[in-house]
Amino acid sequence: MEEPQGRDPVYALAASPHYARDRVCFAARASGLHRSDDGGVTWRALFGGLDLTVPLAAMAVAVSPGFEADRCVFAGVQGGILRSSDGGESWQPSVLPSPPPLVSALAISPGFVQDGVLFAGTLRDGVFRSADRGGHWAAWNFGLLDLSILALAISPDYAQDETLFAGTESGIFRSTNGGRAWRELSFATELAPVVCLGIAPDHARGGWLLAGTEASGLFNSVDDGQSWSRLGEEAIPAAVNGLVLVSDPSGRHEILALGAEDLVLSRDAGRTWSTLKPGLQEGQDVTCALAPEGTAAGAPLLVGLAKGQVIRLAV
């Protein structure tokens, strides 16, 4: 199936953990959730079986770390979360309390197969948590002074440290007890809103965290969010729409930052940057990106656009 044309913004992208083998990826967009089985070349809509009278926008998507076996995928929509246990062919809704919140972000536990934990951020009602694979949800907002959640990031070592972060209209909050309580970090309010977060695979050792802002650039913390410094001030534009953060086997951090029309890459943890513009044309506003096989030279890169397409590039 060809991609939808026209104004159909792509809000988020996610891939199967076994993308290199199965080529499965998902795009959350204004017209709903779409799936590709060929690495992003062709797409098909997944909400057809919901008997909708109008399109249901998907703002967020999360895929189970055990997707190959459990086929679990989640979509954040207006009023709740849709969950599927067959790769998106059928859906079960989990309705959140009224008035219906708009789910803006999803974060899934790295140990989801064992613990069944995932989180949903909403634009006005804070953070919700499920511990039964998305069947039931409860608001976990104690200490969360800003309930407008724009981004969530969960520790790769969540099973041990129970740490997650929330980017909001006013700054960044951290929980170290699985979302039961939150504390605001020392991120300057005038730099917010924080629209995207990146957490290093070795976060438990170095406390490395990235924050992309709506109009103030990219910021870096190496002490678990206690202090922050600007990264790539000359190379990265004021608006950072998304982040891709990976580490190679040697532990070297590579960062892909998304501006409105630029993709900026650092292979040395933000010390130097280069601009990637393969296949991008003027006016193609970038909304999100996915590097399912990392950022090694030549690796596939999927880029979501405000006008609706998902284009395939190479890093």
C-alpha atoms as a PDB file:
ATOM      1  CA  MET A   1       0.000   0.000   0.000  1.00  0.00           C
ATOM      2  CA  GLU A   2       1.251   3.457  -0.826  1.00  0.00           C
ATOM      3  CA  GLU A   3       1.744   6.078   1.855  1.00  0.00           C
ATOM      4  CA  PRO A   4      -1.139   8.423   2.662  1.00  0.00           C
ATOM      5  CA  GLN A   5      -0.738  11.722   0.891  1.00  0.00           C
ATOM      6  CA  GLY A   6      -1.560  15.217   2.105  1.00  0.00           C
ATOM      7  CA  ARG A   7      -1.509  16.622   5.602  1.00  0.00           C
ATOM      8  CA  ASP A   8      -1.146  13.544   7.820  1.00  0.00           C
ATOM      9  CA  PRO A   9       1.636  14.351  10.324  1.00  0.00           C
ATOM     10  CA  VAL A  10       3.828  11.534  11.591  1.00  0.00           C
ATOM     11  CA  TYR A  11       4.095  11.909  15.371  1.00  0.00           C
ATOM     12  CA  ALA A  12       6.227   8.908  16.349  1.00  0.00           C
ATOM     13  CA  LEU A  13       8.055   5.890  14.952  1.00  0.00           C
ATOM     14  CA  ALA A  14       8.948   2.558  16.553  1.00  0.00           C
ATOM     15  CA  ALA A  15      10.475  -0.693  15.353  1.00  0.00           C
ATOM     16  CA  SER A  16      10.492  -4.321  16.300  1.00  0.00           C
ATOM     17  CA  PRO A  17      13.530  -5.180  18.456  1.00  0.00           C
ATOM     18  CA  HIS A  18      14.302  -7.702  15.722  1.00  0.00           C
ATOM     19  CA  TYR A  19      13.992  -5.215  12.852  1.00  0.00           C
ATOM     20  CA  ALA A  20      17.167  -6.497  11.195  1.00  0.00           C
ATOM     21  CA  ARG A  21      15.395  -9.831  10.742  1.00  0.00           C
ATOM     22  CA  ASP A  22      11.673  -9.056  10.463  1.00  0.00           C
ATOM     23  CA  ARG A  23      11.758  -5.450   9.041  1.00  0.00           C
ATOM     24  CA  VAL A  24       8.675  -4.517  11.081  1.00  0.00           C
ATOM     25  CA  CYS A  25       8.118  -0.884  12.086  1.00  0.00           C
ATOM     26  CA  PHE A  26       5.214   1.344  13.076  1.00  0.00           C
ATOM     27  CA  ALA A  27       4.251   4.962  12.412  1.00  0.00           C
ATOM     28  CA  ALA A  28       1.882   6.892  14.678  1.00  0.00           C
ATOM     29  CA  ARG A  29       0.208   9.570  12.635  1.00  0.00           C
ATOM     30  CA  ALA A  30      -2.880  11.758  12.401  1.00  0.00           C
ATOM     31  CA  SER A  31      -4.742   9.106  10.414  1.00  0.00           C
ATOM     32  CA  GLY A  32      -3.970   6.350  12.925  1.00  0.00           C
ATOM     33  CA  LEU A  33      -1.291   3.722  13.421  1.00  0.00           C
ATOM     34  CA  HIS A  34       0.400   2.256  10.362  1.00  0.00           C
ATOM     35  CA  ARG A  35       2.648  -0.789  10.005  1.00  0.00           C
ATOM     36  CA  SER A  36       5.396  -1.668   7.558  1.00  0.00           C
ATOM     37  CA  ASP A  37       6.728  -5.180   7.034  1.00  0.00           C
ATOM     38  CA  ASP A  38       9.464  -4.200   4.599  1.00  0.00           C
ATOM     39  CA  GLY A  39      11.525  -1.750   6.604  1.00  0.00           C
ATOM     40  CA  GLY A  40       9.420   1.323   5.865  1.00  0.00           C
ATOM     41  CA  VAL A  41       9.035   1.012   2.097  1.00  0.00           C
ATOM     42  CA  THR A  42       5.270   0.381   2.139  1.00  0.00           C
ATOM     43  CA  TRP A  43       2.696   0.913   4.890  1.00  0.00           C
ATOM     44  CA  ARG A  44      -0.796  -0.233   5.804  1.00  0.00           C
ATOM     45  CA  ALA A  45      -3.322   1.217   8.247  1.00  0.00           C
ATOM     46  CA  LEU A  46      -4.073  -0.807  11.383  1.00  0.00           C
ATOM     47  CA  PHE A  47      -7.227   0.755  12.830  1.00  0.00           C
ATOM     48  CA  GLY A  48      -9.590  -0.535  10.162  1.00  0.00           C
ATOM     49  CA  GLY A  49     -11.206  -3.050  12.485  1.00  0.00           C
ATOM     50  CA  LEU A  50     -12.234  -0.438  15.057  1.00  0.00           C
ATOM     51  CA  ASP A  51     -15.358   0.680  13.132  1.00  0.00           C
ATOM     52  CA  LEU A  52     -14.406   4.341  13.385  1.00  0.00           C
ATOM     53  CA  THR A  53     -16.586   7.039  11.869  1.00  0.00           C
ATOM     54  CA  VAL A  54     -13.709   9.537  11.814  1.00  0.00           C
ATOM     55  CA  PRO A  55      -9.932   8.950  11.828  1.00  0.00           C
ATOM     56  CA  LEU A  56      -8.402   8.302  15.245  1.00  0.00           C
ATOM     57  CA  ALA A  57      -5.005   9.978  15.538  1.00  0.00           C
ATOM     58  CA  ALA A  58      -2.183   7.984  17.108  1.00  0.00           C
ATOM     59  CA  MET A  59       0.219  10.301  18.941  1.00  0.00           C
ATOM     60  CA  ALA A  60       2.560   7.662  20.388  1.00  0.00           C
ATOM     61  CA  VAL A  61       3.576   4.051  19.818  1.00  0.00           C
ATOM     62  CA  ALA A  62       5.529   1.494  21.853  1.00  0.00           C
ATOM     63  CA  VAL A  63       6.618  -2.032  20.950  1.00  0.00           C
ATOM     64  CA  SER A  64       7.280  -4.840  23.418  1.00  0.00           C
ATOM     65  CA  PRO A  65      10.929  -5.866  23.872  1.00  0.00           C
ATOM     66  CA  GLY A  66       9.566  -9.400  23.405  1.00  0.00           C
ATOM     67  CA  PHE A  67       7.643  -8.524  20.234  1.00  0.00           C
ATOM     68  CA  GLU A  68       8.878 -11.542  18.299  1.00  0.00           C
ATOM     69  CA  ALA A  69       7.076 -13.836  20.736  1.00  0.00           C
ATOM     70  CA  ASP A  70       4.296 -11.761  22.325  1.00  0.00           C
ATOM     71  CA  ARG A  71       3.455  -9.464  19.327  1.00  0.00           C
ATOM     72  CA  CYS A  72       2.513  -6.672  21.747  1.00  0.00           C
ATOM     73  CA  VAL A  73       2.251  -3.107  20.451  1.00  0.00           C
ATOM     74  CA  PHE A  74       0.606  -0.070  22.062  1.00  0.00           C
ATOM     75  CA  ALA A  75      -0.798   3.143  20.576  1.00  0.00           C
ATOM     76  CA  GLY A  76      -1.534   6.344  22.476  1.00  0.00           C
ATOM     77  CA  VAL A  77      -4.742   8.051  21.323  1.00  0.00           C
ATOM     78  CA  GLN A  78      -7.325  10.549  22.519  1.00  0.00           C
ATOM     79  CA  GLY A  79      -8.855   9.145  25.695  1.00  0.00           C
ATOM     80  CA  GLY A  80      -6.675   6.125  26.250  1.00  0.00           C
ATOM     81  CA  ILE A  81      -4.305   3.461  25.015  1.00  0.00           C
ATOM     82  CA  LEU A  82      -4.964   0.782  22.423  1.00  0.00           C
ATOM     83  CA  ARG A  83      -3.119  -2.501  22.901  1.00  0.00           C
ATOM     84  CA  SER A  84      -2.612  -5.355  20.490  1.00  0.00           C
ATOM     85  CA  SER A  85      -1.212  -8.827  21.060  1.00  0.00           C
ATOM     86  CA  ASP A  86      -1.103  -9.773  17.392  1.00  0.00           C
ATOM     87  CA  GLY A  87       1.153  -7.108  15.926  1.00  0.00           C
ATOM     88  CA  GLY A  88      -1.620  -4.582  15.338  1.00  0.00           C
ATOM     89  CA  GLU A  89      -4.172  -6.735  13.531  1.00  0.00           C
ATOM     90  CA  SER A  90      -6.722  -6.349  16.347  1.00  0.00           C
ATOM     91  CA  TRP A  91      -6.996  -3.967  19.312  1.00  0.00           C
ATOM     92  CA  GLN A  92      -8.284  -3.780  22.867  1.00  0.00           C
ATOM     93  CA  PRO A  93      -8.936  -0.284  24.257  1.00  0.00           C
ATOM     94  CA  SER A  94      -7.907   0.858  27.732  1.00  0.00           C
ATOM     95  CA  VAL A  95      -9.942   3.962  28.515  1.00  0.00           C
ATOM     96  CA  LEU A  96      -8.417   6.537  30.877  1.00  0.00           C
ATOM     97  CA  PRO A  97     -10.546   8.554  33.356  1.00  0.00           C
ATOM     98  CA  SER A  98     -12.767  11.385  32.049  1.00  0.00           C
ATOM     99  CA  PRO A  99     -12.364  13.945  30.730  1.00  0.00           C
ATOM    100  CA  PRO A 100     -10.577  11.890  28.065  1.00  0.00           C
ATOM    101  CA  PRO A 101      -6.865  12.838  28.063  1.00  0.00           C
ATOM    102  CA  LEU A 102      -4.712  12.923  24.956  1.00  0.00           C
ATOM    103  CA  VAL A 103      -1.888  10.408  25.293  1.00  0.00           C
ATOM    104  CA  SER A 104       1.269  12.137  24.060  1.00  0.00           C
ATOM    105  CA  ALA A 105       4.041   9.685  24.992  1.00  0.00           C
ATOM    106  CA  LEU A 106       4.567   6.021  25.845  1.00  0.00           C
ATOM    107  CA  ALA A 107       7.504   4.365  27.613  1.00  0.00           C
ATOM    108  CA  ILE A 108       7.795   0.614  28.024  1.00  0.00           C
ATOM    109  CA  SER A 109       9.877  -1.185  30.645  1.00  0.00           C
ATOM    110  CA  PRO A 110      12.940  -2.956  29.232  1.00  0.00           C
ATOM    111  CA  GLY A 111      11.775  -5.886  31.387  1.00  0.00           C
ATOM    112  CA  PHE A 112       8.220  -5.735  30.045  1.00  0.00           C
ATOM    113  CA  VAL A 113       8.138  -9.458  29.288  1.00  0.00           C
ATOM    114  CA  GLN A 114       8.639 -10.142  32.992  1.00  0.00           C
ATOM    115  CA  ASP A 115       7.091  -7.120  34.746  1.00  0.00           C
ATOM    116  CA  GLY A 116       4.371  -5.986  32.296  1.00  0.00           C
ATOM    117  CA  VAL A 117       5.077  -2.323  33.140  1.00  0.00           C
ATOM    118  CA  LEU A 118       4.552   0.631  30.827  1.00  0.00           C
ATOM    119  CA  PHE A 119       3.844   4.343  31.218  1.00  0.00           C
ATOM    120  CA  ALA A 120       1.691   6.830  29.330  1.00  0.00           C
ATOM    121  CA  GLY A 121       2.195  10.592  29.362  1.00  0.00           C
ATOM    122  CA  THR A 122      -0.752  12.886  28.650  1.00  0.00           C
ATOM    123  CA  LEU A 123      -0.992  16.522  27.662  1.00  0.00           C
ATOM    124  CA  ARG A 124      -3.071  17.647  30.663  1.00  0.00           C
ATOM    125  CA  ASP A 125      -3.380  14.765  33.126  1.00  0.00           C
ATOM    126  CA  GLY A 126       0.181  13.730  33.881  1.00  0.00           C
ATOM    127  CA  VAL A 127       1.507  10.174  33.860  1.00  0.00           C
ATOM    128  CA  PHE A 128      -0.412   6.899  33.997  1.00  0.00           C
ATOM    129  CA  ARG A 129       1.120   3.516  34.840  1.00  0.00           C
ATOM    130  CA  SER A 130       0.102  -0.034  34.009  1.00  0.00           C
ATOM    131  CA  ALA A 131       1.622  -3.136  35.578  1.00  0.00           C
ATOM    132  CA  ASP A 132      -0.516  -5.703  33.756  1.00  0.00           C
ATOM    133  CA  ARG A 133       0.618  -5.274  30.166  1.00  0.00           C
ATOM    134  CA  GLY A 134      -1.679  -2.324  29.497  1.00  0.00           C
ATOM    135  CA  GLY A 135      -4.922  -3.810  30.815  1.00  0.00           C
ATOM    136  CA  HIS A 136      -5.468  -1.332  33.646  1.00  0.00           C
ATOM    137  CA  TRP A 137      -4.012   2.115  34.282  1.00  0.00           C
ATOM    138  CA  ALA A 138      -3.681   4.438  37.271  1.00  0.00           C
ATOM    139  CA  ALA A 139      -2.479   8.035  37.535  1.00  0.00           C
ATOM    140  CA  TRP A 140       0.922   8.286  39.282  1.00  0.00           C
ATOM    141  CA  ASN A 141       1.505  12.012  39.704  1.00  0.00           C
ATOM    142  CA  PHE A 142       2.640  12.658  43.274  1.00  0.00           C
ATOM    143  CA  GLY A 143       5.187  15.489  43.099  1.00  0.00           C
ATOM    144  CA  LEU A 144       4.633  16.005  39.382  1.00  0.00           C
ATOM    145  CA  LEU A 145       4.003  19.753  39.396  1.00  0.00           C
ATOM    146  CA  ASP A 146       3.455  20.018  35.636  1.00  0.00           C
ATOM    147  CA  LEU A 147       0.905  17.608  34.164  1.00  0.00           C
ATOM    148  CA  SER A 148       1.608  18.536  30.519  1.00  0.00           C
ATOM    149  CA  ILE A 149       3.820  15.616  29.481  1.00  0.00           C
ATOM    150  CA  LEU A 150       5.639  15.991  26.163  1.00  0.00           C
ATOM    151  CA  ALA A 151       8.211  13.181  26.486  1.00  0.00           C
ATOM    152  CA  LEU A 152       9.030  10.136  28.598  1.00  0.00           C
ATOM    153  CA  ALA A 153      12.305   8.254  28.941  1.00  0.00           C
ATOM    154  CA  ILE A 154      12.840   5.090  30.946  1.00  0.00           C
ATOM    155  CA  SER A 155      16.125   3.800  32.333  1.00  0.00           C
ATOM    156  CA  PRO A 156      17.644   0.823  30.512  1.00  0.00           C
ATOM    157  CA  ASP A 157      18.197  -0.579  34.027  1.00  0.00           C
ATOM    158  CA  TYR A 158      14.642   0.098  35.187  1.00  0.00           C
ATOM    159  CA  ALA A 159      14.363  -3.346  36.807  1.00  0.00           C
ATOM    160  CA  GLN A 160      17.103  -2.306  39.247  1.00  0.00           C
ATOM    161  CA  ASP A 161      16.802   1.498  39.577  1.00  0.00           C
ATOM    162  CA  GLU A 162      13.091   2.112  38.754  1.00  0.00           C
ATOM    163  CA  THR A 163      14.102   5.413  37.145  1.00  0.00           C
ATOM    164  CA  LEU A 164      12.191   7.347  34.519  1.00  0.00           C
ATOM    165  CA  PHE A 165      12.067  10.951  33.319  1.00  0.00           C
ATOM    166  CA  ALA A 166       9.287  13.204  32.058  1.00  0.00           C
ATOM    167  CA  GLY A 167       9.792  16.239  29.813  1.00  0.00           C
ATOM    168  CA  THR A 168       7.073  18.848  30.322  1.00  0.00           C
ATOM    169  CA  GLU A 169       5.993  22.351  29.374  1.00  0.00           C
ATOM    170  CA  SER A 170       8.029  23.747  32.288  1.00  0.00           C
ATOM    171  CA  GLY A 171      11.033  21.430  32.633  1.00  0.00           C
ATOM    172  CA  ILE A 172      12.071  17.876  33.544  1.00  0.00           C
ATOM    173  CA  PHE A 173      10.925  15.583  36.352  1.00  0.00           C
ATOM    174  CA  ARG A 174      12.494  12.340  37.580  1.00  0.00           C
ATOM    175  CA  SER A 175      11.114   9.374  39.466  1.00  0.00           C
ATOM    176  CA  THR A 176      13.373   6.822  41.125  1.00  0.00           C
ATOM    177  CA  ASN A 177      10.606   4.589  42.456  1.00  0.00           C
ATOM    178  CA  GLY A 178       8.801   3.550  39.302  1.00  0.00           C
ATOM    179  CA  GLY A 179       6.615   6.645  39.007  1.00  0.00           C
ATOM    180  CA  ARG A 180       5.175   6.579  42.527  1.00  0.00           C
ATOM    181  CA  ALA A 181       6.706   9.992  43.243  1.00  0.00           C
ATOM    182  CA  TRP A 182       8.390  12.656  41.142  1.00  0.00           C
ATOM    183  CA  ARG A 183      10.924  15.395  41.776  1.00  0.00           C
ATOM    184  CA  GLU A 184      11.656  18.369  39.554  1.00  0.00           C
ATOM    185  CA  LEU A 185      15.209  18.568  38.202  1.00  0.00           C
ATOM    186  CA  SER A 186      17.290  21.714  38.001  1.00  0.00           C
ATOM    187  CA  PHE A 187      16.487  22.447  34.370  1.00  0.00           C
ATOM    188  CA  ALA A 188      15.947  26.165  33.807  1.00  0.00           C
ATOM    189  CA  THR A 189      12.272  26.942  33.264  1.00  0.00           C
ATOM    190  CA  GLU A 190      13.061  29.543  30.626  1.00  0.00           C
ATOM    191  CA  LEU A 191      14.606  26.812  28.438  1.00  0.00           C
ATOM    192  CA  ALA A 192      11.416  24.711  28.413  1.00  0.00           C
ATOM    193  CA  PRO A 193       9.225  23.228  26.952  1.00  0.00           C
ATOM    194  CA  VAL A 194      11.206  19.974  26.799  1.00  0.00           C
ATOM    195  CA  VAL A 195       9.827  18.076  23.808  1.00  0.00           C
ATOM    196  CA  CYS A 196      12.145  15.070  23.672  1.00  0.00           C
ATOM    197  CA  LEU A 197      14.482  13.108  25.934  1.00  0.00           C
ATOM    198  CA  GLY A 198      17.333  10.703  25.264  1.00  0.00           C
ATOM    199  CA  ILE A 199      18.800   8.312  27.801  1.00  0.00           C
ATOM    200  CA  ALA A 200      22.085   6.497  27.292  1.00  0.00           C
ATOM    201  CA  PRO A 201      22.186   2.685  27.230  1.00  0.00           C
ATOM    202  CA  ASP A 202      24.824   2.869  29.996  1.00  0.00           C
ATOM    203  CA  HIS A 203      22.861   5.443  32.005  1.00  0.00           C
ATOM    204  CA  ALA A 204      23.312   3.493  35.243  1.00  0.00           C
ATOM    205  CA  ARG A 205      27.089   3.990  35.051  1.00  0.00           C
ATOM    206  CA  GLY A 206      27.271   7.589  33.869  1.00  0.00           C
ATOM    207  CA  GLY A 207      23.892   9.217  34.469  1.00  0.00           C
ATOM    208  CA  TRP A 208      23.928  10.526  30.892  1.00  0.00           C
ATOM    209  CA  LEU A 209      20.738  12.231  29.723  1.00  0.00           C
ATOM    210  CA  LEU A 210      19.792  14.492  26.798  1.00  0.00           C
ATOM    211  CA  ALA A 211      16.951  17.004  26.573  1.00  0.00           C
ATOM    212  CA  GLY A 212      15.705  18.628  23.362  1.00  0.00           C
ATOM    213  CA  THR A 213      13.711  21.828  23.708  1.00  0.00           C
ATOM    214  CA  GLU A 214      11.084  23.584  21.637  1.00  0.00           C
ATOM    215  CA  ALA A 215      13.180  26.713  21.023  1.00  0.00           C
ATOM    216  CA  SER A 216      16.359  26.628  23.136  1.00  0.00           C
ATOM    217  CA  GLY A 217      18.440  23.809  21.623  1.00  0.00           C
ATOM    218  CA  LEU A 218      19.893  20.582  22.980  1.00  0.00           C
ATOM    219  CA  PHE A 219      21.115  20.047  26.544  1.00  0.00           C
ATOM    220  CA  ASN A 220      23.258  17.391  28.155  1.00  0.00           C
ATOM    221  CA  SER A 221      23.534  16.080  31.717  1.00  0.00           C
ATOM    222  CA  VAL A 222      26.157  13.636  32.950  1.00  0.00           C
ATOM    223  CA  ASP A 223      24.970  13.544  36.561  1.00  0.00           C
ATOM    224  CA  ASP A 224      21.451  12.163  36.225  1.00  0.00           C
ATOM    225  CA  GLY A 225      19.890  15.557  35.568  1.00  0.00           C
ATOM    226  CA  GLN A 226      21.410  17.547  38.425  1.00  0.00           C
ATOM    227  CA  SER A 227      23.220  19.949  36.098  1.00  0.00           C
ATOM    228  CA  TRP A 228      22.946  20.749  32.391  1.00  0.00           C
ATOM    229  CA  SER A 229      25.068  22.192  29.597  1.00  0.00           C
ATOM    230  CA  ARG A 230      24.250  23.192  26.015  1.00  0.00           C
ATOM    231  CA  LEU A 231      25.409  20.810  23.283  1.00  0.00           C
ATOM    232  CA  GLY A 232      26.171  21.716  19.685  1.00  0.00           C
ATOM    233  CA  GLU A 233      25.195  25.340  20.086  1.00  0.00           C
ATOM    234  CA  GLU A 234      26.409  26.334  16.617  1.00  0.00           C
ATOM    235  CA  ALA A 235      25.428  23.138  14.796  1.00  0.00           C
ATOM    236  CA  ILE A 236      21.993  22.476  16.271  1.00  0.00           C
ATOM    237  CA  PRO A 237      19.106  24.868  15.620  1.00  0.00           C
ATOM    238  CA  ALA A 238      16.933  26.231  18.414  1.00  0.00           C
ATOM    239  CA  ALA A 239      14.157  23.676  17.916  1.00  0.00           C
ATOM    240  CA  VAL A 240      14.988  20.018  18.585  1.00  0.00           C
ATOM    241  CA  ASN A 241      12.048  17.890  17.496  1.00  0.00           C
ATOM    242  CA  GLY A 242      13.538  14.505  18.296  1.00  0.00           C
ATOM    243  CA  LEU A 243      16.569  12.531  19.410  1.00  0.00           C
ATOM    244  CA  VAL A 244      18.139   9.198  18.573  1.00  0.00           C
ATOM    245  CA  LEU A 245      20.809   8.111  21.034  1.00  0.00           C
ATOM    246  CA  VAL A 246      22.827   4.904  20.637  1.00  0.00           C
ATOM    247  CA  SER A 247      26.093   3.444  21.874  1.00  0.00           C
ATOM    248  CA  ASP A 248      28.463   1.213  19.954  1.00  0.00           C
ATOM    249  CA  PRO A 249      30.042  -1.888  21.569  1.00  0.00           C
ATOM    250  CA  SER A 250      32.974   0.191  22.829  1.00  0.00           C
ATOM    251  CA  GLY A 251      30.594   2.472  24.749  1.00  0.00           C
ATOM    252  CA  ARG A 252      30.976   5.455  22.422  1.00  0.00           C
ATOM    253  CA  HIS A 253      27.815   7.558  22.327  1.00  0.00           C
ATOM    254  CA  GLU A 254      26.345   8.699  19.012  1.00  0.00           C
ATOM    255  CA  ILE A 255      23.565  11.294  18.842  1.00  0.00           C
ATOM    256  CA  LEU A 256      21.179  12.165  16.045  1.00  0.00           C
ATOM    257  CA  ALA A 257      19.293  15.410  16.704  1.00  0.00           C
ATOM    258  CA  LEU A 258      16.319  16.487  14.598  1.00  0.00           C
ATOM    259  CA  GLY A 259      15.762  20.115  13.775  1.00  0.00           C
ATOM    260  CA  ALA A 260      12.811  21.341  11.731  1.00  0.00           C
ATOM    261  CA  GLU A 261      14.615  20.670   8.427  1.00  0.00           C
ATOM    262  CA  ASP A 262      17.998  19.295   9.524  1.00  0.00           C
ATOM    263  CA  LEU A 263      19.387  16.026  10.826  1.00  0.00           C
ATOM    264  CA  VAL A 264      22.552  16.639  12.819  1.00  0.00           C
ATOM    265  CA  LEU A 265      24.823  13.748  13.825  1.00  0.00           C
ATOM    266  CA  SER A 266      27.571  13.468  16.413  1.00  0.00           C
ATOM    267  CA  ARG A 267      29.693  10.343  16.688  1.00  0.00           C
ATOM    268  CA  ASP A 268      31.643  11.558  19.742  1.00  0.00           C
ATOM    269  CA  ALA A 269      28.988  12.270  22.397  1.00  0.00           C
ATOM    270  CA  GLY A 270      28.298  15.773  21.152  1.00  0.00           C
ATOM    271  CA  ARG A 271      31.794  17.226  20.819  1.00  0.00           C
ATOM    272  CA  THR A 272      31.625  17.574  17.027  1.00  0.00           C
ATOM    273  CA  TRP A 273      28.667  17.517  14.634  1.00  0.00           C
ATOM    274  CA  SER A 274      27.903  17.014  10.967  1.00  0.00           C
ATOM    275  CA  THR A 275      24.692  17.733   9.077  1.00  0.00           C
ATOM    276  CA  LEU A 276      22.933  14.936   7.204  1.00  0.00           C
ATOM    277  CA  LYS A 277      20.712  15.973   4.326  1.00  0.00           C
ATOM    278  CA  PRO A 278      20.429  12.949   2.064  1.00  0.00           C
ATOM    279  CA  GLY A 279      17.038  12.912   0.411  1.00  0.00           C
ATOM    280  CA  LEU A 280      15.610  15.835   2.378  1.00  0.00           C
ATOM    281  CA  GLN A 281      14.146  18.729   0.451  1.00  0.00           C
ATOM    282  CA  GLU A 282      13.439  22.270   1.506  1.00  0.00           C
ATOM    283  CA  GLY A 283      10.142  22.532   3.341  1.00  0.00           C
ATOM    284  CA  GLN A 284      10.066  18.882   4.484  1.00  0.00           C
ATOM    285  CA  ASP A 285       9.503  19.568   8.180  1.00  0.00           C
ATOM    286  CA  VAL A 286      10.956  16.718  10.238  1.00  0.00           C
ATOM    287  CA  THR A 287       8.904  15.451  13.189  1.00  0.00           C
ATOM    288  CA  CYS A 288      10.595  12.222  14.298  1.00  0.00           C
ATOM    289  CA  ALA A 289      13.225   9.694  13.297  1.00  0.00           C
ATOM    290  CA  LEU A 290      14.086   6.051  13.873  1.00  0.00           C
ATOM    291  CA  ALA A 291      17.443   4.325  13.493  1.00  0.00           C
ATOM    292  CA  PRO A 292      16.457   0.682  14.049  1.00  0.00           C
ATOM    293  CA  GLU A 293      19.950  -0.672  13.379  1.00  0.00           C
ATOM    294  CA  GLY A 294      21.921   2.129  15.020  1.00  0.00           C
ATOM    295  CA  THR A 295      23.805   5.012  13.491  1.00  0.00           C
ATOM    296  CA  ALA A 296      26.693   3.234  11.791  1.00  0.00           C
ATOM    297  CA  ALA A 297      27.479   4.607   8.343  1.00  0.00           C
ATOM    298  CA  GLY A 298      24.985   3.245   5.822  1.00  0.00           C
ATOM    299  CA  ALA A 299      22.458   2.056   8.416  1.00  0.00           C
ATOM    300  CA  PRO A 300      18.791   2.634   7.557  1.00  0.00           C
ATOM    301  CA  LEU A 301      17.196   5.805   8.879  1.00  0.00           C
ATOM    302  CA  LEU A 302      13.448   6.424   8.829  1.00  0.00           C
ATOM    303  CA  VAL A 303      12.335  10.059   9.044  1.00  0.00           C
ATOM    304  CA  GLY A 304       8.757  11.157   9.726  1.00  0.00           C
ATOM    305  CA  LEU A 305       7.509  14.389   8.182  1.00  0.00           C
ATOM    306  CA  ALA A 306       4.825  16.901   9.108  1.00  0.00           C
ATOM    307  CA  LYS A 307       3.155  16.450   5.716  1.00  0.00           C
ATOM    308  CA  GLY A 308       2.666  12.745   6.294  1.00  0.00           C
ATOM    309  CA  GLN A 309       5.423  10.758   4.610  1.00  0.00           C
ATOM    310  CA  VAL A 310       7.979   8.466   6.165  1.00  0.00           C
ATOM    311  CA  ILE A 311      11.116   8.644   4.065  1.00  0.00           C
ATOM    312  CA  ARG A 312      13.993   6.168   4.115  1.00  0.00           C
ATOM    313  CA  LEU A 313      17.519   7.518   4.235  1.00  0.00           C
ATOM    314  CA  ALA A 314      20.932   6.137   5.110  1.00  0.00           C
ATOM    315  CA  VAL A 315      22.983   7.449   8.019  1.00  0.00           C
END
